[in-house]
Amino acid sequence: MLNESFRLAAGATHGTVGVTWIAPGDNWISWLFVNGRLAVEAFASGAAERNIDVPLAAGSLAVIEVHDFDLDDLPEAPAAVTIPPTTYTRPMIHFAAVPGAVRYRLYHRPEGGIETRVWDAAANPEDGEWISLEYPVDLDGRSTAHGHIGGWHFFRVEAVSAYGVESLAQAWAWRALDIPAAPRVSVAPGAEPGTWTFTVGG
């Protein structure tokens, strides 16, 4: 549920703004978006009145949204798994359909990055019990400076009810791996009889 009754004030630290609002209930969870991007996920303080600081550059213009959800009203989240990818950097995502869902949404966050919604589509009864989609772009599969092999990416698939309420699923990880092309190898007779010269590359 969109909460439009929030207040803004200077944050406790430089470069932040304090957002204060009252959720409909103590046990509701809140999500906060800045310019359409998730800034605070599943925030719950144990009280209806809430306050949190979010980063905001001085002199910048931002659109802030606060959404409150009743845990008892959250729709079931799809059971999401991956199946063998078509390439090492473009996974195939496979998840179970949810009864009563009118839409599905896919969120993606690269390791150390910001989560964004990358896919949003209406539920189609003709899809059956399982839905499959190929990730629309190649993911970064380069190794990180920390010595990790490949690039880690985090996904979550959410179902949306007829009332616009979105499920809350735990993100699951997938590793993209850029495998370099095999070098060219050429073979030629060696300088001595019975020998061969192998050249890699070139």
N, C-alpha and C. Protein backbone atom coordinates (compact mmCIF):
# COMPACT_ATOMS: atom_id res chain seq x y z
N MET A 1 0.85 -1.19 0.00
CA MET A 1 0.00 0.00 0.00
C MET A 1 0.88 1.23 0.00
N LEU A 2 0.61 2.14 -0.92
CA LEU A 2 1.39 3.37 -1.01
C LEU A 2 1.03 4.29 0.16
N ASN A 3 2.06 4.72 0.88
CA ASN A 3 1.87 5.62 2.03
C ASN A 3 2.30 7.01 1.59
N GLU A 4 1.34 7.90 1.46
CA GLU A 4 1.63 9.25 0.97
C GLU A 4 1.78 10.27 2.10
N SER A 5 1.68 9.82 3.34
CA SER A 5 1.76 10.74 4.48
C SER A 5 3.10 10.57 5.20
N PHE A 6 4.15 11.00 4.54
CA PHE A 6 5.47 10.94 5.18
C PHE A 6 6.08 12.34 5.22
N ARG A 7 7.03 12.52 6.12
CA ARG A 7 7.70 13.81 6.29
C ARG A 7 9.19 13.66 6.00
N LEU A 8 9.78 14.73 5.52
CA LEU A 8 11.21 14.74 5.23
C LEU A 8 11.91 15.77 6.11
N ALA A 9 13.10 15.42 6.56
CA ALA A 9 13.92 16.33 7.37
C ALA A 9 15.38 15.98 7.12
N ALA A 10 16.27 16.85 7.61
CA ALA A 10 17.69 16.58 7.45
C ALA A 10 18.04 15.28 8.18
N GLY A 11 18.87 14.45 7.53
CA GLY A 11 19.28 13.20 8.14
C GLY A 11 20.29 13.39 9.25
N ALA A 12 20.56 12.32 9.97
CA ALA A 12 21.50 12.40 11.09
C ALA A 12 22.93 12.55 10.61
N THR A 13 23.22 12.14 9.39
CA THR A 13 24.57 12.26 8.84
C THR A 13 24.54 13.07 7.56
N HIS A 14 25.68 13.62 7.20
CA HIS A 14 25.78 14.44 6.00
C HIS A 14 25.44 13.61 4.75
N GLY A 15 24.68 14.22 3.84
CA GLY A 15 24.33 13.54 2.60
C GLY A 15 23.16 12.60 2.72
N THR A 16 22.38 12.72 3.80
CA THR A 16 21.20 11.87 3.96
C THR A 16 19.98 12.73 4.27
N VAL A 17 18.81 12.16 4.01
CA VAL A 17 17.55 12.81 4.35
C VAL A 17 16.75 11.84 5.23
N GLY A 18 16.14 12.37 6.28
CA GLY A 18 15.35 11.54 7.16
C GLY A 18 13.92 11.44 6.68
N VAL A 19 13.41 10.23 6.56
CA VAL A 19 12.03 9.98 6.13
C VAL A 19 11.26 9.42 7.33
N THR A 20 10.17 10.09 7.70
CA THR A 20 9.36 9.67 8.83
C THR A 20 7.94 9.42 8.36
N TRP A 21 7.35 8.29 8.80
CA TRP A 21 5.97 7.99 8.42
C TRP A 21 5.35 7.06 9.46
N ILE A 22 4.05 6.87 9.35
CA ILE A 22 3.33 5.98 10.25
C ILE A 22 2.71 4.87 9.41
N ALA A 23 3.12 3.64 9.67
CA ALA A 23 2.56 2.48 8.98
C ALA A 23 1.19 2.15 9.57
N PRO A 24 0.34 1.44 8.83
CA PRO A 24 -0.99 1.10 9.35
C PRO A 24 -0.98 0.22 10.59
N GLY A 25 0.12 -0.51 10.82
CA GLY A 25 0.18 -1.38 11.98
C GLY A 25 1.62 -1.64 12.39
N ASP A 26 1.80 -2.09 13.66
CA ASP A 26 3.14 -2.33 14.16
C ASP A 26 3.85 -3.45 13.41
N ASN A 27 3.09 -4.45 12.95
CA ASN A 27 3.69 -5.62 12.33
C ASN A 27 3.79 -5.50 10.81
N TRP A 28 3.46 -4.34 10.26
CA TRP A 28 3.59 -4.15 8.82
C TRP A 28 5.07 -3.94 8.48
N ILE A 29 5.43 -4.32 7.27
CA ILE A 29 6.79 -4.08 6.79
C ILE A 29 6.75 -2.99 5.72
N SER A 30 7.83 -2.26 5.60
CA SER A 30 7.87 -1.11 4.71
C SER A 30 9.03 -1.22 3.73
N TRP A 31 8.76 -0.76 2.52
CA TRP A 31 9.78 -0.68 1.49
C TRP A 31 9.85 0.77 1.04
N LEU A 32 11.06 1.27 0.80
CA LEU A 32 11.24 2.67 0.41
C LEU A 32 12.00 2.72 -0.91
N PHE A 33 11.46 3.49 -1.84
CA PHE A 33 12.06 3.63 -3.16
C PHE A 33 12.49 5.08 -3.38
N VAL A 34 13.63 5.28 -4.02
CA VAL A 34 14.12 6.60 -4.40
C VAL A 34 14.33 6.59 -5.91
N ASN A 35 13.59 7.44 -6.60
CA ASN A 35 13.65 7.52 -8.06
C ASN A 35 13.39 6.15 -8.70
N GLY A 36 12.43 5.42 -8.13
CA GLY A 36 12.03 4.14 -8.69
C GLY A 36 12.92 2.97 -8.35
N ARG A 37 13.99 3.23 -7.57
CA ARG A 37 14.90 2.15 -7.21
C ARG A 37 14.76 1.84 -5.72
N LEU A 38 14.85 0.55 -5.42
CA LEU A 38 14.71 0.12 -4.04
C LEU A 38 15.86 0.65 -3.21
N ALA A 39 15.53 1.40 -2.15
CA ALA A 39 16.54 1.95 -1.25
C ALA A 39 16.55 1.26 0.09
N VAL A 40 15.37 0.88 0.59
CA VAL A 40 15.25 0.20 1.88
C VAL A 40 14.30 -0.98 1.69
N GLU A 41 14.75 -2.18 2.06
CA GLU A 41 13.97 -3.40 1.82
C GLU A 41 13.48 -3.99 3.12
N ALA A 42 12.17 -4.29 3.17
CA ALA A 42 11.57 -5.03 4.29
C ALA A 42 11.95 -4.43 5.64
N PHE A 43 11.70 -3.13 5.80
CA PHE A 43 12.03 -2.44 7.05
C PHE A 43 10.89 -2.58 8.04
N ALA A 44 11.20 -2.99 9.26
CA ALA A 44 10.21 -3.10 10.32
C ALA A 44 10.88 -2.74 11.64
N SER A 45 10.33 -1.76 12.33
CA SER A 45 10.94 -1.28 13.58
C SER A 45 10.22 -1.81 14.81
N GLY A 46 9.10 -2.52 14.62
CA GLY A 46 8.32 -2.97 15.75
C GLY A 46 7.30 -1.97 16.23
N ALA A 47 7.28 -0.81 15.59
CA ALA A 47 6.31 0.24 15.94
C ALA A 47 5.75 0.82 14.65
N ALA A 48 4.54 1.39 14.73
CA ALA A 48 3.92 1.95 13.53
C ALA A 48 4.66 3.20 13.05
N GLU A 49 5.13 4.02 13.99
CA GLU A 49 5.86 5.24 13.60
C GLU A 49 7.30 4.87 13.29
N ARG A 50 7.77 5.27 12.11
CA ARG A 50 9.08 4.85 11.63
C ARG A 50 9.88 6.02 11.09
N ASN A 51 11.19 5.89 11.21
CA ASN A 51 12.10 6.91 10.70
C ASN A 51 13.37 6.22 10.22
N ILE A 52 13.82 6.63 9.05
CA ILE A 52 15.04 6.05 8.51
C ILE A 52 15.72 7.09 7.63
N ASP A 53 17.05 7.09 7.62
CA ASP A 53 17.83 8.00 6.79
C ASP A 53 18.22 7.29 5.50
N VAL A 54 18.07 8.01 4.39
CA VAL A 54 18.47 7.46 3.10
C VAL A 54 19.44 8.43 2.44
N PRO A 55 20.42 7.93 1.70
CA PRO A 55 21.38 8.82 1.03
C PRO A 55 20.70 9.66 -0.04
N LEU A 56 21.06 10.94 -0.08
CA LEU A 56 20.53 11.84 -1.09
C LEU A 56 21.51 12.98 -1.26
N ALA A 57 22.04 13.14 -2.48
CA ALA A 57 23.04 14.17 -2.73
C ALA A 57 22.44 15.56 -2.57
N ALA A 58 23.24 16.48 -2.04
CA ALA A 58 22.78 17.85 -1.84
C ALA A 58 22.44 18.49 -3.19
N GLY A 59 21.32 19.20 -3.22
CA GLY A 59 20.91 19.89 -4.43
C GLY A 59 20.25 19.01 -5.46
N SER A 60 20.08 17.72 -5.17
CA SER A 60 19.46 16.80 -6.13
C SER A 60 17.96 16.78 -5.96
N LEU A 61 17.27 16.36 -7.00
CA LEU A 61 15.82 16.23 -7.00
C LEU A 61 15.48 14.74 -7.05
N ALA A 62 14.63 14.29 -6.13
CA ALA A 62 14.33 12.87 -6.06
C ALA A 62 12.85 12.65 -5.82
N VAL A 63 12.36 11.51 -6.30
CA VAL A 63 11.00 11.05 -6.04
C VAL A 63 11.09 9.93 -5.02
N ILE A 64 10.45 10.10 -3.87
CA ILE A 64 10.50 9.13 -2.79
C ILE A 64 9.13 8.49 -2.63
N GLU A 65 9.10 7.16 -2.53
CA GLU A 65 7.86 6.43 -2.32
C GLU A 65 8.04 5.50 -1.12
N VAL A 66 7.01 5.44 -0.27
CA VAL A 66 6.98 4.52 0.87
C VAL A 66 5.81 3.56 0.66
N HIS A 67 6.10 2.27 0.70
CA HIS A 67 5.07 1.25 0.55
C HIS A 67 5.04 0.39 1.80
N ASP A 68 3.85 0.24 2.40
CA ASP A 68 3.66 -0.58 3.59
C ASP A 68 2.88 -1.84 3.22
N PHE A 69 3.28 -2.97 3.79
CA PHE A 69 2.63 -4.24 3.49
C PHE A 69 2.30 -4.97 4.79
N ASP A 70 1.10 -5.53 4.83
CA ASP A 70 0.70 -6.39 5.94
C ASP A 70 1.19 -7.80 5.63
N LEU A 71 1.99 -8.35 6.52
CA LEU A 71 2.55 -9.68 6.26
C LEU A 71 1.47 -10.73 6.02
N ASP A 72 0.31 -10.54 6.65
CA ASP A 72 -0.77 -11.52 6.49
C ASP A 72 -1.42 -11.44 5.11
N ASP A 73 -1.24 -10.32 4.41
CA ASP A 73 -1.88 -10.14 3.10
C ASP A 73 -0.93 -10.35 1.93
N LEU A 74 0.33 -10.67 2.21
CA LEU A 74 1.27 -10.87 1.11
C LEU A 74 0.91 -12.12 0.33
N PRO A 75 0.87 -12.03 -1.00
CA PRO A 75 0.60 -13.23 -1.79
C PRO A 75 1.76 -14.21 -1.71
N GLU A 76 1.50 -15.42 -2.09
CA GLU A 76 2.54 -16.43 -2.12
C GLU A 76 3.61 -16.05 -3.14
N ALA A 77 4.86 -16.25 -2.78
CA ALA A 77 5.96 -15.97 -3.71
C ALA A 77 6.21 -17.18 -4.59
N PRO A 78 6.57 -16.96 -5.87
CA PRO A 78 6.86 -18.10 -6.74
C PRO A 78 8.08 -18.87 -6.25
N ALA A 79 8.06 -20.17 -6.46
CA ALA A 79 9.24 -20.99 -6.19
C ALA A 79 10.13 -20.87 -7.41
N ALA A 80 11.25 -20.19 -7.26
CA ALA A 80 12.09 -19.87 -8.42
C ALA A 80 13.35 -20.72 -8.41
N VAL A 81 13.70 -21.24 -9.56
CA VAL A 81 14.91 -22.02 -9.72
C VAL A 81 15.53 -21.64 -11.06
N THR A 82 16.77 -22.02 -11.26
CA THR A 82 17.38 -21.85 -12.58
C THR A 82 17.53 -23.22 -13.23
N ILE A 83 17.52 -23.21 -14.53
CA ILE A 83 17.83 -24.42 -15.28
C ILE A 83 19.09 -24.11 -16.08
N PRO A 84 19.77 -25.10 -16.64
CA PRO A 84 21.04 -24.82 -17.33
C PRO A 84 20.90 -23.66 -18.31
N PRO A 85 21.82 -22.69 -18.23
CA PRO A 85 21.71 -21.50 -19.08
C PRO A 85 22.02 -21.81 -20.53
N THR A 86 21.49 -20.95 -21.40
CA THR A 86 21.80 -21.09 -22.82
C THR A 86 23.22 -20.61 -23.09
N THR A 87 23.69 -19.66 -22.33
CA THR A 87 25.09 -19.24 -22.36
C THR A 87 25.55 -19.07 -20.93
N TYR A 88 26.83 -18.89 -20.72
CA TYR A 88 27.34 -18.76 -19.36
C TYR A 88 27.01 -17.40 -18.74
N THR A 89 26.51 -16.46 -19.52
CA THR A 89 26.19 -15.13 -18.98
C THR A 89 24.72 -14.75 -19.17
N ARG A 90 23.90 -15.69 -19.60
CA ARG A 90 22.47 -15.39 -19.79
C ARG A 90 21.65 -16.58 -19.29
N PRO A 91 21.24 -16.56 -18.02
CA PRO A 91 20.54 -17.72 -17.45
C PRO A 91 19.10 -17.83 -17.93
N MET A 92 18.59 -19.03 -17.87
CA MET A 92 17.18 -19.28 -18.08
C MET A 92 16.53 -19.36 -16.70
N ILE A 93 15.49 -18.59 -16.48
CA ILE A 93 14.84 -18.53 -15.18
C ILE A 93 13.51 -19.26 -15.27
N HIS A 94 13.30 -20.15 -14.32
CA HIS A 94 12.17 -21.08 -14.36
C HIS A 94 11.49 -21.04 -13.00
N PHE A 95 10.19 -20.68 -12.95
CA PHE A 95 9.51 -20.59 -11.66
C PHE A 95 8.08 -21.09 -11.77
N ALA A 96 7.54 -21.45 -10.61
CA ALA A 96 6.19 -22.01 -10.55
C ALA A 96 5.15 -20.91 -10.56
N ALA A 97 4.08 -21.12 -11.30
CA ALA A 97 2.97 -20.17 -11.32
C ALA A 97 2.29 -20.14 -9.95
N VAL A 98 1.74 -18.97 -9.61
CA VAL A 98 1.07 -18.78 -8.32
C VAL A 98 -0.42 -18.59 -8.55
N PRO A 99 -1.28 -19.39 -7.94
CA PRO A 99 -2.73 -19.21 -8.11
C PRO A 99 -3.16 -17.80 -7.67
N GLY A 100 -3.93 -17.13 -8.52
CA GLY A 100 -4.44 -15.81 -8.19
C GLY A 100 -3.53 -14.67 -8.56
N ALA A 101 -2.32 -14.95 -8.99
CA ALA A 101 -1.40 -13.87 -9.38
C ALA A 101 -1.86 -13.25 -10.70
N VAL A 102 -1.78 -11.93 -10.79
CA VAL A 102 -2.15 -11.24 -12.03
C VAL A 102 -0.92 -10.74 -12.78
N ARG A 103 0.22 -10.65 -12.08
CA ARG A 103 1.47 -10.21 -12.71
C ARG A 103 2.63 -10.93 -12.04
N TYR A 104 3.76 -10.96 -12.76
CA TYR A 104 5.01 -11.44 -12.19
C TYR A 104 6.09 -10.40 -12.47
N ARG A 105 7.01 -10.26 -11.52
CA ARG A 105 8.10 -9.30 -11.67
C ARG A 105 9.42 -9.96 -11.31
N LEU A 106 10.44 -9.62 -12.10
CA LEU A 106 11.78 -10.14 -11.87
C LEU A 106 12.69 -8.99 -11.48
N TYR A 107 13.42 -9.18 -10.37
CA TYR A 107 14.37 -8.17 -9.90
C TYR A 107 15.77 -8.75 -9.97
N HIS A 108 16.73 -7.87 -10.24
CA HIS A 108 18.13 -8.29 -10.39
C HIS A 108 19.04 -7.31 -9.66
N ARG A 109 20.06 -7.87 -9.00
CA ARG A 109 21.08 -7.04 -8.37
C ARG A 109 22.44 -7.68 -8.59
N PRO A 110 23.39 -6.95 -9.23
CA PRO A 110 24.73 -7.50 -9.35
C PRO A 110 25.46 -7.39 -8.01
N GLU A 111 26.49 -8.18 -7.84
CA GLU A 111 27.25 -8.14 -6.60
C GLU A 111 27.77 -6.73 -6.34
N GLY A 112 27.43 -6.17 -5.19
CA GLY A 112 27.86 -4.83 -4.84
C GLY A 112 27.08 -3.72 -5.52
N GLY A 113 26.01 -4.06 -6.23
CA GLY A 113 25.24 -3.06 -6.98
C GLY A 113 23.87 -2.82 -6.39
N ILE A 114 23.04 -2.12 -7.16
CA ILE A 114 21.69 -1.74 -6.74
C ILE A 114 20.68 -2.63 -7.45
N GLU A 115 19.66 -3.04 -6.72
CA GLU A 115 18.62 -3.88 -7.30
C GLU A 115 17.70 -3.06 -8.20
N THR A 116 17.35 -3.62 -9.35
CA THR A 116 16.40 -2.99 -10.27
C THR A 116 15.40 -4.04 -10.76
N ARG A 117 14.24 -3.57 -11.15
CA ARG A 117 13.24 -4.46 -11.73
C ARG A 117 13.52 -4.55 -13.23
N VAL A 118 13.72 -5.75 -13.72
CA VAL A 118 14.13 -5.93 -15.12
C VAL A 118 13.06 -6.57 -15.97
N TRP A 119 12.00 -7.07 -15.34
CA TRP A 119 10.93 -7.73 -16.12
C TRP A 119 9.64 -7.62 -15.35
N ASP A 120 8.57 -7.28 -16.07
CA ASP A 120 7.25 -7.10 -15.45
C ASP A 120 6.22 -7.50 -16.51
N ALA A 121 5.48 -8.56 -16.26
CA ALA A 121 4.55 -9.05 -17.28
C ALA A 121 3.28 -9.58 -16.62
N ALA A 122 2.18 -9.48 -17.37
CA ALA A 122 0.91 -10.00 -16.88
C ALA A 122 0.94 -11.52 -16.87
N ALA A 123 0.27 -12.10 -15.89
CA ALA A 123 0.17 -13.56 -15.82
C ALA A 123 -0.70 -14.06 -16.96
N ASN A 124 -0.29 -15.14 -17.56
CA ASN A 124 -1.02 -15.73 -18.68
C ASN A 124 -1.46 -17.14 -18.29
N PRO A 125 -2.77 -17.39 -18.17
CA PRO A 125 -3.24 -18.72 -17.77
C PRO A 125 -2.74 -19.83 -18.68
N GLU A 126 -2.40 -19.48 -19.93
CA GLU A 126 -1.94 -20.49 -20.87
C GLU A 126 -0.50 -20.92 -20.61
N ASP A 127 0.19 -20.23 -19.69
CA ASP A 127 1.58 -20.59 -19.39
C ASP A 127 1.68 -21.92 -18.66
N GLY A 128 0.61 -22.35 -18.02
CA GLY A 128 0.64 -23.61 -17.29
C GLY A 128 1.20 -23.46 -15.89
N GLU A 129 1.68 -24.57 -15.32
CA GLU A 129 2.14 -24.56 -13.94
C GLU A 129 3.53 -23.98 -13.78
N TRP A 130 4.31 -23.96 -14.86
CA TRP A 130 5.68 -23.44 -14.79
C TRP A 130 5.89 -22.38 -15.85
N ILE A 131 6.66 -21.38 -15.52
CA ILE A 131 6.94 -20.27 -16.44
C ILE A 131 8.45 -20.17 -16.61
N SER A 132 8.88 -20.01 -17.84
CA SER A 132 10.31 -19.89 -18.14
C SER A 132 10.57 -18.63 -18.93
N LEU A 133 11.66 -17.97 -18.62
CA LEU A 133 12.07 -16.81 -19.41
C LEU A 133 13.58 -16.72 -19.40
N GLU A 134 14.13 -16.29 -20.52
CA GLU A 134 15.58 -16.09 -20.61
C GLU A 134 15.89 -14.67 -20.21
N TYR A 135 16.92 -14.50 -19.37
CA TYR A 135 17.30 -13.15 -18.97
C TYR A 135 17.60 -12.33 -20.22
N PRO A 136 17.06 -11.09 -20.30
CA PRO A 136 17.09 -10.36 -21.57
C PRO A 136 18.44 -9.85 -22.03
N VAL A 137 19.42 -9.73 -21.14
CA VAL A 137 20.73 -9.21 -21.56
C VAL A 137 21.83 -10.09 -20.96
N ASP A 138 23.04 -9.95 -21.50
CA ASP A 138 24.18 -10.69 -20.96
C ASP A 138 24.61 -10.08 -19.64
N LEU A 139 24.88 -10.92 -18.66
CA LEU A 139 25.33 -10.47 -17.35
C LEU A 139 26.85 -10.42 -17.31
N ASP A 140 27.36 -9.60 -16.42
CA ASP A 140 28.80 -9.46 -16.26
C ASP A 140 29.34 -10.71 -15.58
N GLY A 141 30.17 -11.45 -16.28
CA GLY A 141 30.72 -12.68 -15.71
C GLY A 141 32.20 -12.60 -15.44
N ARG A 142 32.73 -11.37 -15.37
CA ARG A 142 34.16 -11.22 -15.11
C ARG A 142 34.47 -11.48 -13.64
N SER A 143 35.64 -12.00 -13.37
CA SER A 143 36.05 -12.24 -11.99
C SER A 143 36.23 -10.92 -11.27
N THR A 144 35.98 -10.92 -9.96
CA THR A 144 36.05 -9.69 -9.17
C THR A 144 37.44 -9.50 -8.59
N ALA A 145 37.65 -8.31 -8.05
CA ALA A 145 38.94 -7.99 -7.44
C ALA A 145 39.18 -8.78 -6.16
N HIS A 146 38.11 -9.37 -5.61
CA HIS A 146 38.24 -10.14 -4.38
C HIS A 146 38.66 -11.58 -4.65
N GLY A 147 38.90 -11.91 -5.91
CA GLY A 147 39.34 -13.24 -6.24
C GLY A 147 38.21 -14.21 -6.53
N HIS A 148 36.97 -13.72 -6.53
CA HIS A 148 35.85 -14.60 -6.88
C HIS A 148 35.91 -14.95 -8.36
N ILE A 149 35.62 -16.18 -8.68
CA ILE A 149 35.61 -16.61 -10.07
C ILE A 149 34.24 -16.30 -10.65
N GLY A 150 34.21 -15.50 -11.70
CA GLY A 150 32.94 -15.11 -12.30
C GLY A 150 32.29 -13.98 -11.52
N GLY A 151 31.12 -13.58 -11.97
CA GLY A 151 30.39 -12.49 -11.33
C GLY A 151 29.11 -13.01 -10.70
N TRP A 152 28.88 -12.69 -9.43
CA TRP A 152 27.68 -13.13 -8.74
C TRP A 152 26.54 -12.17 -8.99
N HIS A 153 25.35 -12.73 -9.20
CA HIS A 153 24.14 -11.94 -9.45
C HIS A 153 23.02 -12.51 -8.59
N PHE A 154 22.12 -11.63 -8.15
CA PHE A 154 21.06 -12.03 -7.24
C PHE A 154 19.70 -11.69 -7.85
N PHE A 155 18.80 -12.66 -7.83
CA PHE A 155 17.49 -12.52 -8.46
C PHE A 155 16.38 -12.82 -7.44
N ARG A 156 15.24 -12.24 -7.67
CA ARG A 156 14.03 -12.66 -6.97
C ARG A 156 12.85 -12.46 -7.92
N VAL A 157 11.93 -13.41 -7.89
CA VAL A 157 10.71 -13.35 -8.71
C VAL A 157 9.54 -13.15 -7.76
N GLU A 158 8.71 -12.17 -8.05
CA GLU A 158 7.58 -11.85 -7.18
C GLU A 158 6.26 -11.97 -7.95
N ALA A 159 5.23 -12.37 -7.23
CA ALA A 159 3.87 -12.41 -7.76
C ALA A 159 3.12 -11.19 -7.25
N VAL A 160 2.21 -10.67 -8.07
CA VAL A 160 1.42 -9.50 -7.72
C VAL A 160 -0.06 -9.89 -7.72
N SER A 161 -0.77 -9.54 -6.64
CA SER A 161 -2.18 -9.87 -6.54
C SER A 161 -3.03 -8.86 -7.30
N ALA A 162 -4.34 -9.14 -7.38
CA ALA A 162 -5.27 -8.25 -8.07
C ALA A 162 -5.35 -6.89 -7.40
N TYR A 163 -4.94 -6.80 -6.14
CA TYR A 163 -4.98 -5.53 -5.41
C TYR A 163 -3.65 -4.78 -5.49
N GLY A 164 -2.71 -5.30 -6.28
CA GLY A 164 -1.43 -4.64 -6.44
C GLY A 164 -0.43 -4.95 -5.36
N VAL A 165 -0.73 -5.92 -4.49
CA VAL A 165 0.19 -6.29 -3.42
C VAL A 165 1.20 -7.30 -3.96
N GLU A 166 2.47 -7.06 -3.68
CA GLU A 166 3.55 -7.88 -4.21
C GLU A 166 4.07 -8.83 -3.13
N SER A 167 4.39 -10.04 -3.54
CA SER A 167 4.94 -11.01 -2.60
C SER A 167 6.33 -10.58 -2.15
N LEU A 168 6.86 -11.29 -1.19
CA LEU A 168 8.18 -10.96 -0.64
C LEU A 168 9.01 -12.23 -0.61
N ALA A 169 9.91 -12.37 -1.57
CA ALA A 169 10.73 -13.58 -1.68
C ALA A 169 12.18 -13.26 -1.36
N GLN A 170 12.88 -14.25 -0.87
CA GLN A 170 14.31 -14.10 -0.63
C GLN A 170 15.05 -14.21 -1.96
N ALA A 171 16.04 -13.35 -2.14
CA ALA A 171 16.82 -13.37 -3.38
C ALA A 171 17.67 -14.64 -3.43
N TRP A 172 17.88 -15.16 -4.62
CA TRP A 172 18.73 -16.33 -4.80
C TRP A 172 19.85 -15.98 -5.77
N ALA A 173 20.99 -16.63 -5.59
CA ALA A 173 22.22 -16.24 -6.29
C ALA A 173 22.46 -17.11 -7.52
N TRP A 174 23.10 -16.50 -8.50
CA TRP A 174 23.52 -17.21 -9.72
C TRP A 174 24.84 -16.61 -10.16
N ARG A 175 25.76 -17.45 -10.59
CA ARG A 175 27.08 -16.98 -10.98
C ARG A 175 27.22 -16.97 -12.50
N ALA A 176 27.49 -15.80 -13.04
CA ALA A 176 27.77 -15.68 -14.48
C ALA A 176 29.27 -15.86 -14.68
N LEU A 177 29.63 -16.53 -15.74
CA LEU A 177 31.04 -16.83 -15.97
C LEU A 177 31.39 -16.57 -17.43
N ASP A 178 32.25 -15.59 -17.63
CA ASP A 178 32.77 -15.32 -18.97
C ASP A 178 33.95 -16.24 -19.23
N ILE A 179 33.78 -17.15 -20.17
CA ILE A 179 34.86 -18.07 -20.53
C ILE A 179 35.54 -17.53 -21.79
N PRO A 180 36.84 -17.22 -21.72
CA PRO A 180 37.50 -16.67 -22.92
C PRO A 180 37.53 -17.69 -24.05
N ALA A 181 37.56 -17.17 -25.26
CA ALA A 181 37.61 -18.05 -26.43
C ALA A 181 38.92 -18.83 -26.43
N ALA A 182 38.86 -20.04 -26.91
CA ALA A 182 40.06 -20.87 -26.96
C ALA A 182 41.06 -20.27 -27.95
N PRO A 183 42.34 -20.25 -27.59
CA PRO A 183 43.34 -19.68 -28.51
C PRO A 183 43.50 -20.55 -29.75
N ARG A 184 43.92 -19.93 -30.81
CA ARG A 184 44.17 -20.66 -32.05
C ARG A 184 45.50 -21.40 -31.95
N VAL A 185 45.50 -22.66 -32.34
CA VAL A 185 46.71 -23.49 -32.30
C VAL A 185 47.00 -23.95 -33.72
N SER A 186 48.20 -23.67 -34.16
CA SER A 186 48.61 -24.14 -35.49
C SER A 186 49.78 -25.11 -35.33
N VAL A 187 49.84 -26.08 -36.26
CA VAL A 187 50.86 -27.13 -36.21
C VAL A 187 51.61 -27.12 -37.55
N ALA A 188 52.93 -27.19 -37.45
CA ALA A 188 53.74 -27.22 -38.66
C ALA A 188 54.91 -28.19 -38.46
N PRO A 189 55.45 -28.75 -39.54
CA PRO A 189 56.61 -29.64 -39.40
C PRO A 189 57.75 -28.93 -38.69
N GLY A 190 58.46 -29.68 -37.82
CA GLY A 190 59.57 -29.09 -37.09
C GLY A 190 60.84 -29.05 -37.91
N ALA A 191 61.87 -28.50 -37.30
CA ALA A 191 63.15 -28.37 -37.99
C ALA A 191 63.83 -29.71 -38.18
N GLU A 192 63.54 -30.67 -37.29
CA GLU A 192 64.13 -31.99 -37.39
C GLU A 192 63.08 -32.99 -37.84
N PRO A 193 63.47 -34.00 -38.56
CA PRO A 193 62.51 -35.01 -39.00
C PRO A 193 61.80 -35.65 -37.81
N GLY A 194 60.49 -35.85 -37.95
CA GLY A 194 59.72 -36.47 -36.90
C GLY A 194 59.29 -35.54 -35.78
N THR A 195 59.57 -34.25 -35.96
CA THR A 195 59.16 -33.27 -34.92
C THR A 195 58.14 -32.32 -35.50
N TRP A 196 57.39 -31.69 -34.59
CA TRP A 196 56.36 -30.75 -34.99
C TRP A 196 56.48 -29.49 -34.16
N THR A 197 56.09 -28.37 -34.75
CA THR A 197 56.12 -27.08 -34.05
C THR A 197 54.68 -26.62 -33.83
N PHE A 198 54.34 -26.40 -32.56
CA PHE A 198 53.01 -25.94 -32.20
C PHE A 198 53.08 -24.45 -31.88
N THR A 199 52.20 -23.68 -32.49
CA THR A 199 52.16 -22.24 -32.25
C THR A 199 50.79 -21.89 -31.69
N VAL A 200 50.77 -21.24 -30.54
CA VAL A 200 49.52 -20.83 -29.89
C VAL A 200 49.31 -19.35 -30.16
N GLY A 201 48.12 -19.02 -30.69
CA GLY A 201 47.80 -17.63 -31.02
C GLY A 201 48.37 -17.28 -32.37
N GLY A 202 48.25 -16.00 -32.68
CA GLY A 202 48.76 -15.55 -33.97
C GLY A 202 47.80 -15.75 -35.10
